[in-house]
Amino acid sequence: MANIRDLKKDINYVLGDIIEAVYVWELTNPDKETKKSEAVIDEAINVFDDLIAKVNIKNVENSKQHFTGISKELEQKGRMLIDKINALK
């Protein structure tokens, strides 16, 4: 991991792209119900808040392990949100 700033950028870009994908889905499917897609957006925002809060924790024993765990969690939760977008009907 290069640094904390890059991790924060990754979190922002990944979750921002997921939210953008939901908006694109909503625009291309105007006749579909948006309740589920709005739930995906809300979940992405919650994941963002959670991960940024974890990044901002100052006193951790093993910082490399801590930030690696955050990066893996971002990947896992990002994939989960992408699967939810793909499942929208």
PDB file of N, CA and C in Angstrom:
ATOM      1  N   MET A   1       0.846  -1.164   0.000  1.00  0.00           N
ATOM      2  CA  MET A   1       0.000   0.000   0.000  1.00  0.00           C
ATOM      3  C   MET A   1       0.892   1.228   0.000  1.00  0.00           C
ATOM      4  N   ALA A   2       0.634   2.127  -0.906  1.00  0.00           N
ATOM      5  CA  ALA A   2       1.470   3.312  -1.051  1.00  0.00           C
ATOM      6  C   ALA A   2       1.281   4.260   0.132  1.00  0.00           C
ATOM      7  N   ASN A   3       0.058   4.719   0.339  1.00  0.00           N
ATOM      8  CA  ASN A   3      -0.189   5.590   1.483  1.00  0.00           C
ATOM      9  C   ASN A   3      -1.686   5.722   1.747  1.00  0.00           C
ATOM     10  N   ILE A   4      -1.989   6.403   2.826  1.00  0.00           N
ATOM     11  CA  ILE A   4      -3.376   6.559   3.254  1.00  0.00           C
ATOM     12  C   ILE A   4      -4.175   7.368   2.228  1.00  0.00           C
ATOM     13  N   ARG A   5      -3.549   8.377   1.657  1.00  0.00           N
ATOM     14  CA  ARG A   5      -4.235   9.212   0.670  1.00  0.00           C
ATOM     15  C   ARG A   5      -4.711   8.374  -0.520  1.00  0.00           C
ATOM     16  N   ASP A   6      -3.864   7.455  -0.992  1.00  0.00           N
ATOM     17  CA  ASP A   6      -4.258   6.599  -2.115  1.00  0.00           C
ATOM     18  C   ASP A   6      -5.413   5.668  -1.727  1.00  0.00           C
ATOM     19  N   LEU A   7      -5.400   5.170  -0.503  1.00  0.00           N
ATOM     20  CA  LEU A   7      -6.493   4.310  -0.044  1.00  0.00           C
ATOM     21  C   LEU A   7      -7.797   5.095  -0.002  1.00  0.00           C
ATOM     22  N   LYS A   8      -7.739   6.324   0.493  1.00  0.00           N
ATOM     23  CA  LYS A   8      -8.947   7.152   0.524  1.00  0.00           C
ATOM     24  C   LYS A   8      -9.453   7.433  -0.892  1.00  0.00           C
ATOM     25  N   LYS A   9      -8.542   7.673  -1.817  1.00  0.00           N
ATOM     26  CA  LYS A   9      -8.938   7.892  -3.214  1.00  0.00           C
ATOM     27  C   LYS A   9      -9.578   6.645  -3.795  1.00  0.00           C
ATOM     28  N   ASP A  10      -9.005   5.474  -3.501  1.00  0.00           N
ATOM     29  CA  ASP A  10      -9.574   4.219  -3.992  1.00  0.00           C
ATOM     30  C   ASP A  10     -10.995   4.030  -3.467  1.00  0.00           C
ATOM     31  N   ILE A  11     -11.190   4.288  -2.192  1.00  0.00           N
ATOM     32  CA  ILE A  11     -12.524   4.157  -1.597  1.00  0.00           C
ATOM     33  C   ILE A  11     -13.496   5.099  -2.305  1.00  0.00           C
ATOM     34  N   ASN A  12     -13.072   6.323  -2.505  1.00  0.00           N
ATOM     35  CA  ASN A  12     -13.923   7.323  -3.146  1.00  0.00           C
ATOM     36  C   ASN A  12     -14.253   6.927  -4.585  1.00  0.00           C
ATOM     37  N   TYR A  13     -13.249   6.511  -5.352  1.00  0.00           N
ATOM     38  CA  TYR A  13     -13.467   6.172  -6.752  1.00  0.00           C
ATOM     39  C   TYR A  13     -14.350   4.930  -6.911  1.00  0.00           C
ATOM     40  N   VAL A  14     -14.053   3.887  -6.140  1.00  0.00           N
ATOM     41  CA  VAL A  14     -14.808   2.634  -6.274  1.00  0.00           C
ATOM     42  C   VAL A  14     -16.275   2.850  -5.930  1.00  0.00           C
ATOM     43  N   LEU A  15     -16.526   3.456  -4.786  1.00  0.00           N
ATOM     44  CA  LEU A  15     -17.915   3.628  -4.365  1.00  0.00           C
ATOM     45  C   LEU A  15     -18.615   4.701  -5.191  1.00  0.00           C
ATOM     46  N   GLY A  16     -17.878   5.704  -5.652  1.00  0.00           N
ATOM     47  CA  GLY A  16     -18.461   6.698  -6.552  1.00  0.00           C
ATOM     48  C   GLY A  16     -18.876   6.079  -7.877  1.00  0.00           C
ATOM     49  N   ASP A  17     -18.036   5.186  -8.400  1.00  0.00           N
ATOM     50  CA  ASP A  17     -18.380   4.499  -9.648  1.00  0.00           C
ATOM     51  C   ASP A  17     -19.593   3.588  -9.472  1.00  0.00           C
ATOM     52  N   ILE A  18     -19.701   2.970  -8.314  1.00  0.00           N
ATOM     53  CA  ILE A  18     -20.861   2.110  -8.052  1.00  0.00           C
ATOM     54  C   ILE A  18     -22.135   2.946  -8.012  1.00  0.00           C
ATOM     55  N   ILE A  19     -22.085   4.076  -7.339  1.00  0.00           N
ATOM     56  CA  ILE A  19     -23.261   4.962  -7.279  1.00  0.00           C
ATOM     57  C   ILE A  19     -23.604   5.467  -8.679  1.00  0.00           C
ATOM     58  N   GLU A  20     -22.594   5.820  -9.448  1.00  0.00           N
ATOM     59  CA  GLU A  20     -22.827   6.276 -10.820  1.00  0.00           C
ATOM     60  C   GLU A  20     -23.466   5.178 -11.669  1.00  0.00           C
ATOM     61  N   ALA A  21     -23.040   3.937 -11.463  1.00  0.00           N
ATOM     62  CA  ALA A  21     -23.620   2.813 -12.203  1.00  0.00           C
ATOM     63  C   ALA A  21     -25.101   2.649 -11.867  1.00  0.00           C
ATOM     64  N   VAL A  22     -25.460   2.889 -10.617  1.00  0.00           N
ATOM     65  CA  VAL A  22     -26.874   2.801 -10.234  1.00  0.00           C
ATOM     66  C   VAL A  22     -27.671   3.904 -10.922  1.00  0.00           C
ATOM     67  N   TYR A  23     -27.111   5.113 -10.967  1.00  0.00           N
ATOM     68  CA  TYR A  23     -27.805   6.211 -11.645  1.00  0.00           C
ATOM     69  C   TYR A  23     -27.976   5.919 -13.132  1.00  0.00           C
ATOM     70  N   VAL A  24     -26.972   5.335 -13.751  1.00  0.00           N
ATOM     71  CA  VAL A  24     -27.079   4.961 -15.172  1.00  0.00           C
ATOM     72  C   VAL A  24     -28.174   3.920 -15.347  1.00  0.00           C
ATOM     73  N   TRP A  25     -28.233   2.949 -14.426  1.00  0.00           N
ATOM     74  CA  TRP A  25     -29.283   1.937 -14.508  1.00  0.00           C
ATOM     75  C   TRP A  25     -30.653   2.592 -14.395  1.00  0.00           C
ATOM     76  N   GLU A  26     -30.786   3.534 -13.472  1.00  0.00           N
ATOM     77  CA  GLU A  26     -32.071   4.213 -13.294  1.00  0.00           C
ATOM     78  C   GLU A  26     -32.454   5.003 -14.545  1.00  0.00           C
ATOM     79  N   LEU A  27     -31.484   5.637 -15.190  1.00  0.00           N
ATOM     80  CA  LEU A  27     -31.775   6.414 -16.405  1.00  0.00           C
ATOM     81  C   LEU A  27     -32.139   5.524 -17.582  1.00  0.00           C
ATOM     82  N   THR A  28     -31.524   4.361 -17.669  1.00  0.00           N
ATOM     83  CA  THR A  28     -31.808   3.465 -18.789  1.00  0.00           C
ATOM     84  C   THR A  28     -33.036   2.599 -18.543  1.00  0.00           C
ATOM     85  N   ASN A  29     -33.545   2.608 -17.318  1.00  0.00           N
ATOM     86  CA  ASN A  29     -34.745   1.843 -16.983  1.00  0.00           C
ATOM     87  C   ASN A  29     -35.762   2.745 -16.284  1.00  0.00           C
ATOM     88  N   PRO A  30     -36.282   3.751 -16.992  1.00  0.00           N
ATOM     89  CA  PRO A  30     -37.173   4.707 -16.321  1.00  0.00           C
ATOM     90  C   PRO A  30     -38.500   4.093 -15.876  1.00  0.00           C
ATOM     91  N   ASP A  31     -38.885   2.981 -16.470  1.00  0.00           N
ATOM     92  CA  ASP A  31     -40.155   2.365 -16.115  1.00  0.00           C
ATOM     93  C   ASP A  31     -40.044   1.410 -14.929  1.00  0.00           C
ATOM     94  N   LYS A  32     -38.836   1.171 -14.437  1.00  0.00           N
ATOM     95  CA  LYS A  32     -38.625   0.241 -13.323  1.00  0.00           C
ATOM     96  C   LYS A  32     -38.731   0.977 -11.987  1.00  0.00           C
ATOM     97  N   GLU A  33     -39.051   0.227 -10.962  1.00  0.00           N
ATOM     98  CA  GLU A  33     -39.124   0.764  -9.599  1.00  0.00           C
ATOM     99  C   GLU A  33     -37.707   1.056  -9.096  1.00  0.00           C
ATOM    100  N   THR A  34     -37.525   2.194  -8.453  1.00  0.00           N
ATOM    101  CA  THR A  34     -36.186   2.599  -8.015  1.00  0.00           C
ATOM    102  C   THR A  34     -35.928   2.354  -6.531  1.00  0.00           C
ATOM    103  N   LYS A  35     -36.841   1.686  -5.860  1.00  0.00           N
ATOM    104  CA  LYS A  35     -36.666   1.460  -4.426  1.00  0.00           C
ATOM    105  C   LYS A  35     -35.420   0.620  -4.143  1.00  0.00           C
ATOM    106  N   LYS A  36     -35.213  -0.441  -4.932  1.00  0.00           N
ATOM    107  CA  LYS A  36     -34.044  -1.301  -4.714  1.00  0.00           C
ATOM    108  C   LYS A  36     -32.754  -0.590  -5.116  1.00  0.00           C
ATOM    109  N   SER A  37     -32.798   0.183  -6.171  1.00  0.00           N
ATOM    110  CA  SER A  37     -31.586   0.879  -6.601  1.00  0.00           C
ATOM    111  C   SER A  37     -31.202   1.963  -5.597  1.00  0.00           C
ATOM    112  N   GLU A  38     -32.185   2.627  -5.023  1.00  0.00           N
ATOM    113  CA  GLU A  38     -31.893   3.625  -3.997  1.00  0.00           C
ATOM    114  C   GLU A  38     -31.312   2.968  -2.750  1.00  0.00           C
ATOM    115  N   ALA A  39     -31.728   1.746  -2.468  1.00  0.00           N
ATOM    116  CA  ALA A  39     -31.167   1.010  -1.329  1.00  0.00           C
ATOM    117  C   ALA A  39     -29.697   0.686  -1.577  1.00  0.00           C
ATOM    118  N   VAL A  40     -29.340   0.386  -2.830  1.00  0.00           N
ATOM    119  CA  VAL A  40     -27.939   0.122  -3.165  1.00  0.00           C
ATOM    120  C   VAL A  40     -27.109   1.392  -2.971  1.00  0.00           C
ATOM    121  N   ILE A  41     -27.645   2.531  -3.374  1.00  0.00           N
ATOM    122  CA  ILE A  41     -26.944   3.802  -3.183  1.00  0.00           C
ATOM    123  C   ILE A  41     -26.748   4.084  -1.695  1.00  0.00           C
ATOM    124  N   ASP A  42     -27.798   3.889  -0.910  1.00  0.00           N
ATOM    125  CA  ASP A  42     -27.693   4.115   0.539  1.00  0.00           C
ATOM    126  C   ASP A  42     -26.648   3.192   1.157  1.00  0.00           C
ATOM    127  N   GLU A  43     -26.620   1.951   0.699  1.00  0.00           N
ATOM    128  CA  GLU A  43     -25.644   0.997   1.228  1.00  0.00           C
ATOM    129  C   GLU A  43     -24.223   1.404   0.835  1.00  0.00           C
ATOM    130  N   ALA A  44     -24.040   1.891  -0.388  1.00  0.00           N
ATOM    131  CA  ALA A  44     -22.722   2.343  -0.829  1.00  0.00           C
ATOM    132  C   ALA A  44     -22.254   3.529   0.012  1.00  0.00           C
ATOM    133  N   ILE A  45     -23.153   4.423   0.331  1.00  0.00           N
ATOM    134  CA  ILE A  45     -22.803   5.574   1.173  1.00  0.00           C
ATOM    135  C   ILE A  45     -22.416   5.114   2.575  1.00  0.00           C
ATOM    136  N   ASN A  46     -23.151   4.150   3.108  1.00  0.00           N
ATOM    137  CA  ASN A  46     -22.825   3.623   4.434  1.00  0.00           C
ATOM    138  C   ASN A  46     -21.468   2.927   4.438  1.00  0.00           C
ATOM    139  N   VAL A  47     -21.177   2.171   3.378  1.00  0.00           N
ATOM    140  CA  VAL A  47     -19.876   1.506   3.263  1.00  0.00           C
ATOM    141  C   VAL A  47     -18.773   2.556   3.194  1.00  0.00           C
ATOM    142  N   PHE A  48     -18.992   3.615   2.420  1.00  0.00           N
ATOM    143  CA  PHE A  48     -18.019   4.705   2.323  1.00  0.00           C
ATOM    144  C   PHE A  48     -17.732   5.300   3.697  1.00  0.00           C
ATOM    145  N   ASP A  49     -18.783   5.646   4.416  1.00  0.00           N
ATOM    146  CA  ASP A  49     -18.623   6.252   5.745  1.00  0.00           C
ATOM    147  C   ASP A  49     -17.867   5.317   6.688  1.00  0.00           C
ATOM    148  N   ASP A  50     -18.213   4.030   6.642  1.00  0.00           N
ATOM    149  CA  ASP A  50     -17.588   3.036   7.508  1.00  0.00           C
ATOM    150  C   ASP A  50     -16.093   2.888   7.197  1.00  0.00           C
ATOM    151  N   LEU A  51     -15.765   2.780   5.913  1.00  0.00           N
ATOM    152  CA  LEU A  51     -14.369   2.584   5.536  1.00  0.00           C
ATOM    153  C   LEU A  51     -13.522   3.821   5.810  1.00  0.00           C
ATOM    154  N   ILE A  52     -14.047   4.993   5.558  1.00  0.00           N
ATOM    155  CA  ILE A  52     -13.301   6.221   5.845  1.00  0.00           C
ATOM    156  C   ILE A  52     -13.077   6.363   7.353  1.00  0.00           C
ATOM    157  N   ALA A  53     -14.063   5.995   8.142  1.00  0.00           N
ATOM    158  CA  ALA A  53     -13.899   6.038   9.600  1.00  0.00           C
ATOM    159  C   ALA A  53     -12.784   5.087  10.037  1.00  0.00           C
ATOM    160  N   LYS A  54     -12.714   3.916   9.412  1.00  0.00           N
ATOM    161  CA  LYS A  54     -11.656   2.955   9.746  1.00  0.00           C
ATOM    162  C   LYS A  54     -10.285   3.479   9.326  1.00  0.00           C
ATOM    163  N   VAL A  55     -10.218   4.143   8.177  1.00  0.00           N
ATOM    164  CA  VAL A  55      -8.941   4.710   7.726  1.00  0.00           C
ATOM    165  C   VAL A  55      -8.461   5.784   8.692  1.00  0.00           C
ATOM    166  N   ASN A  56      -9.372   6.549   9.248  1.00  0.00           N
ATOM    167  CA  ASN A  56      -9.011   7.668  10.108  1.00  0.00           C
ATOM    168  C   ASN A  56      -8.670   7.277  11.546  1.00  0.00           C
ATOM    169  N   ILE A  57      -8.754   5.996  11.879  1.00  0.00           N
ATOM    170  CA  ILE A  57      -8.352   5.549  13.214  1.00  0.00           C
ATOM    171  C   ILE A  57      -6.842   5.731  13.327  1.00  0.00           C
ATOM    172  N   LYS A  58      -6.413   6.445  14.338  1.00  0.00           N
ATOM    173  CA  LYS A  58      -4.993   6.820  14.455  1.00  0.00           C
ATOM    174  C   LYS A  58      -4.146   5.805  15.208  1.00  0.00           C
ATOM    175  N   ASN A  59      -4.637   5.278  16.301  1.00  0.00           N
ATOM    176  CA  ASN A  59      -3.793   4.433  17.140  1.00  0.00           C
ATOM    177  C   ASN A  59      -4.115   2.942  16.939  1.00  0.00           C
ATOM    178  N   VAL A  60      -3.495   2.371  15.910  1.00  0.00           N
ATOM    179  CA  VAL A  60      -3.611   0.937  15.657  1.00  0.00           C
ATOM    180  C   VAL A  60      -2.223   0.328  15.851  1.00  0.00           C
ATOM    181  N   GLU A  61      -2.201  -0.925  16.290  1.00  0.00           N
ATOM    182  CA  GLU A  61      -0.911  -1.553  16.577  1.00  0.00           C
ATOM    183  C   GLU A  61      -0.124  -1.829  15.301  1.00  0.00           C
ATOM    184  N   ASN A  62      -0.737  -2.483  14.347  1.00  0.00           N
ATOM    185  CA  ASN A  62      -0.053  -2.836  13.101  1.00  0.00           C
ATOM    186  C   ASN A  62      -0.756  -2.109  11.961  1.00  0.00           C
ATOM    187  N   SER A  63      -0.238  -0.956  11.588  1.00  0.00           N
ATOM    188  CA  SER A  63      -0.936  -0.131  10.600  1.00  0.00           C
ATOM    189  C   SER A  63      -0.977  -0.782   9.222  1.00  0.00           C
ATOM    190  N   LYS A  64       0.073  -1.470   8.824  1.00  0.00           N
ATOM    191  CA  LYS A  64       0.084  -2.109   7.506  1.00  0.00           C
ATOM    192  C   LYS A  64      -1.025  -3.154   7.407  1.00  0.00           C
ATOM    193  N   GLN A  65      -1.151  -3.971   8.438  1.00  0.00           N
ATOM    194  CA  GLN A  65      -2.204  -4.987   8.465  1.00  0.00           C
ATOM    195  C   GLN A  65      -3.584  -4.325   8.499  1.00  0.00           C
ATOM    196  N   HIS A  66      -3.710  -3.251   9.247  1.00  0.00           N
ATOM    197  CA  HIS A  66      -4.977  -2.524   9.363  1.00  0.00           C
ATOM    198  C   HIS A  66      -5.437  -2.003   7.994  1.00  0.00           C
ATOM    199  N   PHE A  67      -4.523  -1.342   7.275  1.00  0.00           N
ATOM    200  CA  PHE A  67      -4.883  -0.762   5.980  1.00  0.00           C
ATOM    201  C   PHE A  67      -5.059  -1.820   4.906  1.00  0.00           C
ATOM    202  N   THR A  68      -4.326  -2.907   4.992  1.00  0.00           N
ATOM    203  CA  THR A  68      -4.527  -4.019   4.059  1.00  0.00           C
ATOM    204  C   THR A  68      -5.913  -4.619   4.258  1.00  0.00           C
ATOM    205  N   GLY A  69      -6.333  -4.727   5.499  1.00  0.00           N
ATOM    206  CA  GLY A  69      -7.670  -5.233   5.797  1.00  0.00           C
ATOM    207  C   GLY A  69      -8.755  -4.317   5.257  1.00  0.00           C
ATOM    208  N   ILE A  70      -8.541  -3.029   5.354  1.00  0.00           N
ATOM    209  CA  ILE A  70      -9.512  -2.066   4.818  1.00  0.00           C
ATOM    210  C   ILE A  70      -9.593  -2.199   3.303  1.00  0.00           C
ATOM    211  N   SER A  71      -8.442  -2.356   2.661  1.00  0.00           N
ATOM    212  CA  SER A  71      -8.411  -2.513   1.203  1.00  0.00           C
ATOM    213  C   SER A  71      -9.161  -3.770   0.773  1.00  0.00           C
ATOM    214  N   LYS A  72      -8.959  -4.862   1.493  1.00  0.00           N
ATOM    215  CA  LYS A  72      -9.669  -6.112   1.180  1.00  0.00           C
ATOM    216  C   LYS A  72     -11.166  -5.966   1.428  1.00  0.00           C
ATOM    217  N   GLU A  73     -11.519  -5.254   2.485  1.00  0.00           N
ATOM    218  CA  GLU A  73     -12.934  -5.035   2.774  1.00  0.00           C
ATOM    219  C   GLU A  73     -13.591  -4.194   1.680  1.00  0.00           C
ATOM    220  N   LEU A  74     -12.857  -3.197   1.170  1.00  0.00           N
ATOM    221  CA  LEU A  74     -13.364  -2.389   0.067  1.00  0.00           C
ATOM    222  C   LEU A  74     -13.633  -3.268  -1.151  1.00  0.00           C
ATOM    223  N   GLU A  75     -12.701  -4.145  -1.466  1.00  0.00           N
ATOM    224  CA  GLU A  75     -12.886  -5.028  -2.620  1.00  0.00           C
ATOM    225  C   GLU A  75     -14.088  -5.944  -2.422  1.00  0.00           C
ATOM    226  N   GLN A  76     -14.202  -6.525  -1.238  1.00  0.00           N
ATOM    227  CA  GLN A  76     -15.302  -7.447  -0.950  1.00  0.00           C
ATOM    228  C   GLN A  76     -16.660  -6.736  -1.013  1.00  0.00           C
ATOM    229  N   LYS A  77     -16.770  -5.610  -0.359  1.00  0.00           N
ATOM    230  CA  LYS A  77     -18.046  -4.903  -0.335  1.00  0.00           C
ATOM    231  C   LYS A  77     -18.360  -4.278  -1.691  1.00  0.00           C
ATOM    232  N   GLY A  78     -17.334  -3.863  -2.421  1.00  0.00           N
ATOM    233  CA  GLY A  78     -17.545  -3.356  -3.772  1.00  0.00           C
ATOM    234  C   GLY A  78     -18.119  -4.418  -4.685  1.00  0.00           C
ATOM    235  N   ARG A  79     -17.567  -5.624  -4.609  1.00  0.00           N
ATOM    236  CA  ARG A  79     -18.097  -6.725  -5.426  1.00  0.00           C
ATOM    237  C   ARG A  79     -19.535  -7.054  -5.048  1.00  0.00           C
ATOM    238  N   MET A  80     -19.831  -7.017  -3.744  1.00  0.00           N
ATOM    239  CA  MET A  80     -21.180  -7.301  -3.284  1.00  0.00           C
ATOM    240  C   MET A  80     -22.162  -6.273  -3.848  1.00  0.00           C
ATOM    241  N   LEU A  81     -21.768  -4.992  -3.840  1.00  0.00           N
ATOM    242  CA  LEU A  81     -22.648  -3.940  -4.363  1.00  0.00           C
ATOM    243  C   LEU A  81     -22.805  -4.067  -5.877  1.00  0.00           C
ATOM    244  N   ILE A  82     -21.752  -4.438  -6.574  1.00  0.00           N
ATOM    245  CA  ILE A  82     -21.834  -4.643  -8.027  1.00  0.00           C
ATOM    246  C   ILE A  82     -22.788  -5.792  -8.335  1.00  0.00           C
ATOM    247  N   ASP A  83     -22.716  -6.858  -7.530  1.00  0.00           N
ATOM    248  CA  ASP A  83     -23.645  -7.979  -7.726  1.00  0.00           C
ATOM    249  C   ASP A  83     -25.090  -7.523  -7.526  1.00  0.00           C
ATOM    250  N   LYS A  84     -25.316  -6.635  -6.565  1.00  0.00           N
ATOM    251  CA  LYS A  84     -26.675  -6.122  -6.330  1.00  0.00           C
ATOM    252  C   LYS A  84     -27.137  -5.274  -7.501  1.00  0.00           C
ATOM    253  N   ILE A  85     -26.229  -4.507  -8.101  1.00  0.00           N
ATOM    254  CA  ILE A  85     -26.593  -3.711  -9.277  1.00  0.00           C
ATOM    255  C   ILE A  85     -26.958  -4.636 -10.433  1.00  0.00           C
ATOM    256  N   ASN A  86     -26.160  -5.674 -10.624  1.00  0.00           N
ATOM    257  CA  ASN A  86     -26.425  -6.616 -11.705  1.00  0.00           C
ATOM    258  C   ASN A  86     -27.741  -7.374 -11.511  1.00  0.00           C
ATOM    259  N   ALA A  87     -28.173  -7.495 -10.266  1.00  0.00           N
ATOM    260  CA  ALA A  87     -29.402  -8.228  -9.963  1.00  0.00           C
ATOM    261  C   ALA A  87     -30.653  -7.332 -10.087  1.00  0.00           C
ATOM    262  N   LEU A  88     -30.485  -6.041 -10.260  1.00  0.00           N
ATOM    263  CA  LEU A  88     -31.650  -5.143 -10.384  1.00  0.00           C
ATOM    264  C   LEU A  88     -32.457  -5.521 -11.610  1.00  0.00           C
ATOM    265  N   LYS A  89     -33.752  -5.549 -11.452  1.00  0.00           N
ATOM    266  CA  LYS A  89     -34.644  -5.898 -12.563  1.00  0.00           C
ATOM    267  C   LYS A  89     -35.752  -4.904 -12.674  1.00  0.00           C
TER     268      LYS A  89
END
